PDB file of N, CA and C in Angstrom:
ATOM      1  N   MET A   1       4.805  13.790   8.242  1.00  0.00           N
ATOM      2  CA  MET A   1       5.014  12.364   7.638  1.00  0.00           C
ATOM      3  C   MET A   1       5.103  11.353   8.766  1.00  0.00           C
ATOM      4  N   ASN A   2       4.334  10.338   8.618  1.00  0.00           N
ATOM      5  CA  ASN A   2       4.358   9.198   9.617  1.00  0.00           C
ATOM      6  C   ASN A   2       5.390   8.310   9.394  1.00  0.00           C
ATOM      7  N   LEU A   3       5.604   7.302  10.201  1.00  0.00           N
ATOM      8  CA  LEU A   3       6.589   6.265  10.075  1.00  0.00           C
ATOM      9  C   LEU A   3       6.315   5.446   8.750  1.00  0.00           C
ATOM     10  N   TYR A   4       5.133   5.150   8.452  1.00  0.00           N
ATOM     11  CA  TYR A   4       4.862   4.245   7.284  1.00  0.00           C
ATOM     12  C   TYR A   4       5.118   5.123   6.032  1.00  0.00           C
ATOM     13  N   GLN A   5       4.792   6.348   6.089  1.00  0.00           N
ATOM     14  CA  GLN A   5       5.066   7.244   4.798  1.00  0.00           C
ATOM     15  C   GLN A   5       6.648   7.317   4.642  1.00  0.00           C
ATOM     16  N   LYS A   6       7.431   7.451   5.788  1.00  0.00           N
ATOM     17  CA  LYS A   6       8.919   7.555   5.660  1.00  0.00           C
ATOM     18  C   LYS A   6       9.388   6.133   5.050  1.00  0.00           C
ATOM     19  N   ARG A   7       8.836   5.111   5.501  1.00  0.00           N
ATOM     20  CA  ARG A   7       9.289   3.767   4.965  1.00  0.00           C
ATOM     21  C   ARG A   7       9.066   3.582   3.504  1.00  0.00           C
ATOM     22  N   ARG A   8       7.803   4.053   3.018  1.00  0.00           N
ATOM     23  CA  ARG A   8       7.462   4.070   1.693  1.00  0.00           C
ATOM     24  C   ARG A   8       8.261   4.978   0.878  1.00  0.00           C
ATOM     25  N   GLU A   9       8.711   6.026   1.322  1.00  0.00           N
ATOM     26  CA  GLU A   9       9.613   7.026   0.719  1.00  0.00           C
ATOM     27  C   GLU A   9      10.969   6.306   0.398  1.00  0.00           C
ATOM     28  N   GLN A  10      11.389   5.458   1.222  1.00  0.00           N
ATOM     29  CA  GLN A  10      12.657   4.752   0.938  1.00  0.00           C
ATOM     30  C   GLN A  10      12.418   3.918  -0.228  1.00  0.00           C
ATOM     31  N   ILE A  11      11.351   3.243  -0.337  1.00  0.00           N
ATOM     32  CA  ILE A  11      11.056   2.337  -1.496  1.00  0.00           C
ATOM     33  C   ILE A  11      10.915   3.299  -2.791  1.00  0.00           C
ATOM     34  N   TYR A  12      10.267   4.409  -2.620  1.00  0.00           N
ATOM     35  CA  TYR A  12      10.130   5.404  -3.866  1.00  0.00           C
ATOM     36  C   TYR A  12      11.512   5.744  -4.350  1.00  0.00           C
ATOM     37  N   GLN A  13      12.378   6.074  -3.447  1.00  0.00           N
ATOM     38  CA  GLN A  13      13.805   6.495  -3.812  1.00  0.00           C
ATOM     39  C   GLN A  13      14.523   5.373  -4.495  1.00  0.00           C
ATOM     40  N   LYS A  14      14.365   4.226  -3.956  1.00  0.00           N
ATOM     41  CA  LYS A  14      15.087   2.984  -4.446  1.00  0.00           C
ATOM     42  C   LYS A  14      14.492   2.752  -5.924  1.00  0.00           C
ATOM     43  N   LEU A  15      13.214   2.800  -6.112  1.00  0.00           N
ATOM     44  CA  LEU A  15      12.643   2.628  -7.541  1.00  0.00           C
ATOM     45  C   LEU A  15      13.299   3.702  -8.481  1.00  0.00           C
ATOM     46  N   THR A  16      13.405   4.910  -8.006  1.00  0.00           N
ATOM     47  CA  THR A  16      14.005   5.941  -8.916  1.00  0.00           C
ATOM     48  C   THR A  16      15.489   5.678  -9.211  1.00  0.00           C
ATOM     49  N   LYS A  17      16.153   5.311  -8.125  1.00  0.00           N
ATOM     50  CA  LYS A  17      17.541   4.991  -8.247  1.00  0.00           C
ATOM     51  C   LYS A  17      17.755   3.732  -9.199  1.00  0.00           C
ATOM     52  N   GLU A  18      16.997   2.848  -9.171  1.00  0.00           N
ATOM     53  CA  GLU A  18      17.156   1.574  -9.992  1.00  0.00           C
ATOM     54  C   GLU A  18      16.311   1.645 -11.363  1.00  0.00           C
ATOM     55  N   GLN A  19      15.810   2.874 -11.575  1.00  0.00           N
ATOM     56  CA  GLN A  19      14.975   3.091 -12.870  1.00  0.00           C
ATOM     57  C   GLN A  19      13.862   2.009 -13.103  1.00  0.00           C
ATOM     58  N   LYS A  20      13.202   1.816 -11.968  1.00  0.00           N
ATOM     59  CA  LYS A  20      12.037   0.816 -11.976  1.00  0.00           C
ATOM     60  C   LYS A  20      10.755   1.607 -11.862  1.00  0.00           C
ATOM     61  N   GLN A  21       9.599   1.215 -12.447  1.00  0.00           N
ATOM     62  CA  GLN A  21       8.347   1.963 -12.424  1.00  0.00           C
ATOM     63  C   GLN A  21       7.656   1.546 -11.262  1.00  0.00           C
ATOM     64  N   ALA A  22       7.631   0.305 -10.725  1.00  0.00           N
ATOM     65  CA  ALA A  22       6.724  -0.055  -9.648  1.00  0.00           C
ATOM     66  C   ALA A  22       7.237  -1.385  -8.985  1.00  0.00           C
ATOM     67  N   VAL A  23       6.775  -1.561  -7.851  1.00  0.00           N
ATOM     68  CA  VAL A  23       6.843  -2.831  -7.110  1.00  0.00           C
ATOM     69  C   VAL A  23       5.578  -3.342  -6.607  1.00  0.00           C
ATOM     70  N   LEU A  24       5.283  -4.687  -6.690  1.00  0.00           N
ATOM     71  CA  LEU A  24       4.083  -5.162  -6.240  1.00  0.00           C
ATOM     72  C   LEU A  24       4.496  -6.111  -5.018  1.00  0.00           C
ATOM     73  N   LEU A  25       3.869  -5.875  -3.868  1.00  0.00           N
ATOM     74  CA  LEU A  25       4.178  -6.771  -2.676  1.00  0.00           C
ATOM     75  C   LEU A  25       3.029  -7.543  -2.328  1.00  0.00           C
ATOM     76  N   PHE A  26       3.252  -8.800  -1.995  1.00  0.00           N
ATOM     77  CA  PHE A  26       2.333  -9.800  -1.588  1.00  0.00           C
ATOM     78  C   PHE A  26       2.542 -10.280  -0.040  1.00  0.00           C
ATOM     79  N   ASN A  27       3.738 -10.102   0.354  1.00  0.00           N
ATOM     80  CA  ASN A  27       4.080 -10.587   1.747  1.00  0.00           C
ATOM     81  C   ASN A  27       3.428  -9.769   2.803  1.00  0.00           C
ATOM     82  N   GLU A  28       2.648 -10.471   3.684  1.00  0.00           N
ATOM     83  CA  GLU A  28       1.872  -9.769   4.757  1.00  0.00           C
ATOM     84  C   GLU A  28       2.791  -8.870   5.612  1.00  0.00           C
ATOM     85  N   LYS A  29       3.980  -9.364   6.009  1.00  0.00           N
ATOM     86  CA  LYS A  29       4.888  -8.646   6.787  1.00  0.00           C
ATOM     87  C   LYS A  29       5.421  -7.360   6.122  1.00  0.00           C
ATOM     88  N   ASN A  30       5.681  -7.531   4.874  1.00  0.00           N
ATOM     89  CA  ASN A  30       6.156  -6.322   4.164  1.00  0.00           C
ATOM     90  C   ASN A  30       5.137  -5.204   3.931  1.00  0.00           C
ATOM     91  N   ILE A  31       3.813  -5.672   3.818  1.00  0.00           N
ATOM     92  CA  ILE A  31       2.687  -4.823   3.618  1.00  0.00           C
ATOM     93  C   ILE A  31       2.398  -4.065   5.043  1.00  0.00           C
ATOM     94  N   ARG A  32       2.526  -4.888   6.197  1.00  0.00           N
ATOM     95  CA  ARG A  32       2.281  -4.267   7.431  1.00  0.00           C
ATOM     96  C   ARG A  32       3.368  -3.298   7.763  1.00  0.00           C
ATOM     97  N   TYR A  33       4.681  -3.645   7.484  1.00  0.00           N
ATOM     98  CA  TYR A  33       5.838  -2.658   7.660  1.00  0.00           C
ATOM     99  C   TYR A  33       5.620  -1.251   6.895  1.00  0.00           C
ATOM    100  N   LEU A  34       5.091  -1.431   5.684  1.00  0.00           N
ATOM    101  CA  LEU A  34       4.899  -0.187   4.864  1.00  0.00           C
ATOM    102  C   LEU A  34       3.628   0.554   4.963  1.00  0.00           C
ATOM    103  N   THR A  35       2.543  -0.083   5.634  1.00  0.00           N
ATOM    104  CA  THR A  35       1.229   0.513   5.750  1.00  0.00           C
ATOM    105  C   THR A  35       0.680   0.599   7.153  1.00  0.00           C
ATOM    106  N   GLY A  36       1.046  -0.485   7.895  1.00  0.00           N
ATOM    107  CA  GLY A  36       0.325  -0.612   9.193  1.00  0.00           C
ATOM    108  C   GLY A  36      -0.945  -1.624   9.161  1.00  0.00           C
ATOM    109  N   PHE A  37      -1.226  -2.007   7.913  1.00  0.00           N
ATOM    110  CA  PHE A  37      -2.257  -2.933   7.815  1.00  0.00           C
ATOM    111  C   PHE A  37      -1.991  -4.315   8.424  1.00  0.00           C
ATOM    112  N   THR A  38      -2.787  -4.701   9.401  1.00  0.00           N
ATOM    113  CA  THR A  38      -2.424  -6.072  10.149  1.00  0.00           C
ATOM    114  C   THR A  38      -3.343  -7.230   9.616  1.00  0.00           C
ATOM    115  N   GLY A  39      -4.123  -7.072   8.632  1.00  0.00           N
ATOM    116  CA  GLY A  39      -4.856  -8.209   8.128  1.00  0.00           C
ATOM    117  C   GLY A  39      -4.147  -8.881   7.084  1.00  0.00           C
ATOM    118  N   ASP A  40      -4.778  -9.890   6.381  1.00  0.00           N
ATOM    119  CA  ASP A  40      -4.201 -10.681   5.421  1.00  0.00           C
ATOM    120  C   ASP A  40      -5.011 -10.505   4.066  1.00  0.00           C
ATOM    121  N   GLU A  41      -4.606 -11.185   3.078  1.00  0.00           N
ATOM    122  CA  GLU A  41      -5.220 -11.014   1.763  1.00  0.00           C
ATOM    123  C   GLU A  41      -5.255  -9.676   1.215  1.00  0.00           C
ATOM    124  N   ALA A  42      -3.956  -9.257   1.041  1.00  0.00           N
ATOM    125  CA  ALA A  42      -3.844  -7.865   0.590  1.00  0.00           C
ATOM    126  C   ALA A  42      -2.637  -7.892  -0.312  1.00  0.00           C
ATOM    127  N   GLN A  43      -2.528  -6.900  -1.288  1.00  0.00           N
ATOM    128  CA  GLN A  43      -1.340  -6.641  -2.097  1.00  0.00           C
ATOM    129  C   GLN A  43      -1.095  -5.054  -1.970  1.00  0.00           C
ATOM    130  N   LEU A  44       0.106  -4.878  -2.169  1.00  0.00           N
ATOM    131  CA  LEU A  44       0.425  -3.295  -2.125  1.00  0.00           C
ATOM    132  C   LEU A  44       1.281  -3.050  -3.331  1.00  0.00           C
ATOM    133  N   LEU A  45       0.855  -2.106  -4.087  1.00  0.00           N
ATOM    134  CA  LEU A  45       1.490  -1.482  -5.178  1.00  0.00           C
ATOM    135  C   LEU A  45       2.122  -0.221  -4.935  1.00  0.00           C
ATOM    136  N   LEU A  46       3.478  -0.033  -5.135  1.00  0.00           N
ATOM    137  CA  LEU A  46       4.188   1.188  -4.978  1.00  0.00           C
ATOM    138  C   LEU A  46       4.815   1.658  -6.345  1.00  0.00           C
ATOM    139  N   THR A  47       4.553   2.891  -6.668  1.00  0.00           N
ATOM    140  CA  THR A  47       5.033   3.314  -8.040  1.00  0.00           C
ATOM    141  C   THR A  47       6.077   4.328  -7.883  1.00  0.00           C
ATOM    142  N   VAL A  48       6.851   4.617  -8.916  1.00  0.00           N
ATOM    143  CA  VAL A  48       7.890   5.714  -8.852  1.00  0.00           C
ATOM    144  C   VAL A  48       7.268   7.055  -8.705  1.00  0.00           C
ATOM    145  N   GLN A  49       5.991   7.150  -9.072  1.00  0.00           N
ATOM    146  CA  GLN A  49       5.343   8.421  -8.974  1.00  0.00           C
ATOM    147  C   GLN A  49       4.830   8.786  -7.459  1.00  0.00           C
ATOM    148  N   GLU A  50       5.393   7.817  -6.593  1.00  0.00           N
ATOM    149  CA  GLU A  50       5.057   7.897  -5.186  1.00  0.00           C
ATOM    150  C   GLU A  50       3.576   7.710  -4.950  1.00  0.00           C
ATOM    151  N   GLU A  51       2.984   6.732  -5.609  1.00  0.00           N
ATOM    152  CA  GLU A  51       1.583   6.183  -5.284  1.00  0.00           C
ATOM    153  C   GLU A  51       1.570   4.929  -4.598  1.00  0.00           C
ATOM    154  N   ALA A  52       0.865   4.815  -3.633  1.00  0.00           N
ATOM    155  CA  ALA A  52       0.668   3.521  -2.913  1.00  0.00           C
ATOM    156  C   ALA A  52      -0.788   3.115  -3.006  1.00  0.00           C
ATOM    157  N   VAL A  53      -0.944   1.962  -3.564  1.00  0.00           N
ATOM    158  CA  VAL A  53      -2.336   1.279  -3.619  1.00  0.00           C
ATOM    159  C   VAL A  53      -2.463  -0.013  -2.840  1.00  0.00           C
ATOM    160  N   LEU A  54      -3.322  -0.068  -1.942  1.00  0.00           N
ATOM    161  CA  LEU A  54      -3.499  -1.341  -1.072  1.00  0.00           C
ATOM    162  C   LEU A  54      -4.736  -2.082  -1.659  1.00  0.00           C
ATOM    163  N   MET A  55      -4.585  -3.241  -2.096  1.00  0.00           N
ATOM    164  CA  MET A  55      -5.683  -4.018  -2.715  1.00  0.00           C
ATOM    165  C   MET A  55      -6.077  -5.019  -1.855  1.00  0.00           C
ATOM    166  N   SER A  56      -7.352  -5.211  -1.528  1.00  0.00           N
ATOM    167  CA  SER A  56      -7.850  -6.294  -0.688  1.00  0.00           C
ATOM    168  C   SER A  56      -9.392  -6.406  -1.068  1.00  0.00           C
ATOM    169  N   ASP A  57      -9.998  -7.461  -0.306  1.00  0.00           N
ATOM    170  CA  ASP A  57     -11.384  -7.602  -0.658  1.00  0.00           C
ATOM    171  C   ASP A  57     -12.274  -6.929   0.490  1.00  0.00           C
ATOM    172  N   SER A  58     -13.536  -6.876   0.343  1.00  0.00           N
ATOM    173  CA  SER A  58     -14.558  -6.078   1.074  1.00  0.00           C
ATOM    174  C   SER A  58     -14.437  -6.482   2.545  1.00  0.00           C
ATOM    175  N   ARG A  59     -13.936  -7.777   2.926  1.00  0.00           N
ATOM    176  CA  ARG A  59     -13.993  -8.135   4.239  1.00  0.00           C
ATOM    177  C   ARG A  59     -13.132  -7.195   5.136  1.00  0.00           C
ATOM    178  N   PHE A  60     -12.057  -6.577   4.491  1.00  0.00           N
ATOM    179  CA  PHE A  60     -11.140  -5.783   5.210  1.00  0.00           C
ATOM    180  C   PHE A  60     -11.145  -4.289   5.051  1.00  0.00           C
ATOM    181  N   MET A  61     -12.189  -3.780   4.294  1.00  0.00           N
ATOM    182  CA  MET A  61     -12.220  -2.408   4.097  1.00  0.00           C
ATOM    183  C   MET A  61     -12.238  -1.562   5.293  1.00  0.00           C
ATOM    184  N   GLY A  62     -13.118  -2.009   6.227  1.00  0.00           N
ATOM    185  CA  GLY A  62     -13.158  -1.151   7.516  1.00  0.00           C
ATOM    186  C   GLY A  62     -11.838  -1.208   8.297  1.00  0.00           C
ATOM    187  N   GLN A  63     -11.037  -2.317   8.345  1.00  0.00           N
ATOM    188  CA  GLN A  63      -9.944  -2.476   9.054  1.00  0.00           C
ATOM    189  C   GLN A  63      -8.850  -1.660   8.279  1.00  0.00           C
ATOM    190  N   ILE A  64      -8.794  -1.686   7.000  1.00  0.00           N
ATOM    191  CA  ILE A  64      -7.861  -0.874   6.267  1.00  0.00           C
ATOM    192  C   ILE A  64      -8.021   0.516   6.618  1.00  0.00           C
ATOM    193  N   GLU A  65      -9.228   1.097   6.481  1.00  0.00           N
ATOM    194  CA  GLU A  65      -9.565   2.376   6.649  1.00  0.00           C
ATOM    195  C   GLU A  65      -9.214   3.036   8.086  1.00  0.00           C
ATOM    196  N   SER A  66      -9.250   2.106   8.973  1.00  0.00           N
ATOM    197  CA  SER A  66      -8.874   2.493  10.384  1.00  0.00           C
ATOM    198  C   SER A  66      -7.367   2.262  10.698  1.00  0.00           C
ATOM    199  N   GLU A  67      -6.635   1.455   9.868  1.00  0.00           N
ATOM    200  CA  GLU A  67      -5.158   1.353  10.190  1.00  0.00           C
ATOM    201  C   GLU A  67      -4.248   1.949   9.227  1.00  0.00           C
ATOM    202  N   VAL A  68      -4.721   2.203   8.021  1.00  0.00           N
ATOM    203  CA  VAL A  68      -3.810   2.772   7.014  1.00  0.00           C
ATOM    204  C   VAL A  68      -4.053   4.354   6.803  1.00  0.00           C
ATOM    205  N   ASP A  69      -2.878   5.042   6.633  1.00  0.00           N
ATOM    206  CA  ASP A  69      -2.916   6.488   6.427  1.00  0.00           C
ATOM    207  C   ASP A  69      -3.615   6.743   5.238  1.00  0.00           C
ATOM    208  N   LYS A  70      -4.119   8.099   4.944  1.00  0.00           N
ATOM    209  CA  LYS A  70      -4.808   8.580   3.928  1.00  0.00           C
ATOM    210  C   LYS A  70      -4.092   8.654   2.578  1.00  0.00           C
ATOM    211  N   GLN A  71      -2.703   8.564   2.686  1.00  0.00           N
ATOM    212  CA  GLN A  71      -1.913   8.676   1.489  1.00  0.00           C
ATOM    213  C   GLN A  71      -2.020   7.372   0.614  1.00  0.00           C
ATOM    214  N   VAL A  72      -2.508   6.340   1.252  1.00  0.00           N
ATOM    215  CA  VAL A  72      -2.657   5.063   0.553  1.00  0.00           C
ATOM    216  C   VAL A  72      -3.909   4.950   0.004  1.00  0.00           C
ATOM    217  N   GLU A  73      -4.057   4.760  -1.348  1.00  0.00           N
ATOM    218  CA  GLU A  73      -5.235   4.449  -2.014  1.00  0.00           C
ATOM    219  C   GLU A  73      -5.794   2.984  -1.606  1.00  0.00           C
ATOM    220  N   ILE A  74      -7.098   2.830  -1.449  1.00  0.00           N
ATOM    221  CA  ILE A  74      -7.671   1.572  -1.257  1.00  0.00           C
ATOM    222  C   ILE A  74      -8.359   1.022  -2.428  1.00  0.00           C
ATOM    223  N   TYR A  75      -8.051  -0.285  -2.811  1.00  0.00           N
ATOM    224  CA  TYR A  75      -8.730  -0.802  -3.965  1.00  0.00           C
ATOM    225  C   TYR A  75      -9.595  -2.113  -3.479  1.00  0.00           C
ATOM    226  N   ASN A  76     -10.750  -1.984  -3.576  1.00  0.00           N
ATOM    227  CA  ASN A  76     -11.621  -3.112  -3.147  1.00  0.00           C
ATOM    228  C   ASN A  76     -11.752  -4.102  -4.442  1.00  0.00           C
ATOM    229  N   LYS A  77     -10.980  -5.187  -4.285  1.00  0.00           N
ATOM    230  CA  LYS A  77     -11.065  -6.184  -5.435  1.00  0.00           C
ATOM    231  C   LYS A  77     -12.309  -6.637  -5.807  1.00  0.00           C
ATOM    232  N   LYS A  78     -13.202  -6.838  -4.907  1.00  0.00           N
ATOM    233  CA  LYS A  78     -14.485  -7.479  -5.111  1.00  0.00           C
ATOM    234  C   LYS A  78     -15.426  -6.427  -5.992  1.00  0.00           C
ATOM    235  N   ASN A  79     -15.394  -5.285  -5.495  1.00  0.00           N
ATOM    236  CA  ASN A  79     -16.220  -4.266  -6.206  1.00  0.00           C
ATOM    237  C   ASN A  79     -15.583  -3.554  -7.359  1.00  0.00           C
ATOM    238  N   HIS A  80     -14.276  -3.791  -7.445  1.00  0.00           N
ATOM    239  CA  HIS A  80     -13.429  -3.088  -8.439  1.00  0.00           C
ATOM    240  C   HIS A  80     -13.477  -1.539  -8.392  1.00  0.00           C
ATOM    241  N   CYS A  81     -13.380  -1.071  -7.269  1.00  0.00           N
ATOM    242  CA  CYS A  81     -13.362   0.379  -7.207  1.00  0.00           C
ATOM    243  C   CYS A  81     -12.307   0.884  -6.208  1.00  0.00           C
ATOM    244  N   LEU A  82     -11.872   2.106  -6.461  1.00  0.00           N
ATOM    245  CA  LEU A  82     -10.957   2.799  -5.661  1.00  0.00           C
ATOM    246  C   LEU A  82     -11.540   3.745  -4.643  1.00  0.00           C
ATOM    247  N   LYS A  83     -10.943   3.641  -3.438  1.00  0.00           N
ATOM    248  CA  LYS A  83     -11.386   4.646  -2.499  1.00  0.00           C
ATOM    249  C   LYS A  83     -10.093   5.397  -1.994  1.00  0.00           C
ATOM    250  N   SER A  84     -10.193   6.568  -1.587  1.00  0.00           N
ATOM    251  CA  SER A  84      -9.072   7.387  -1.150  1.00  0.00           C
ATOM    252  C   SER A  84      -9.413   8.194  -0.013  1.00  0.00           C
TER     253      SER A  84
END
């Protein structure tokens, strides 16, 4: 488990503790802290089922694939498709 996975695990545990289903993050600093993605124009969805989905547009797909671990699903908002 890498550093970003450990950080996300803390969020998953908090969601469970507070009986919440998910959290949607828009802040670039929070997204970077939890995934390693250094670009902008992204949103991160974390669910109680320990799913992480990073949503951005096609301009950042290559960067996301090189910076973010494979446990994070990538959603290309322009093409409306998931990559994992």
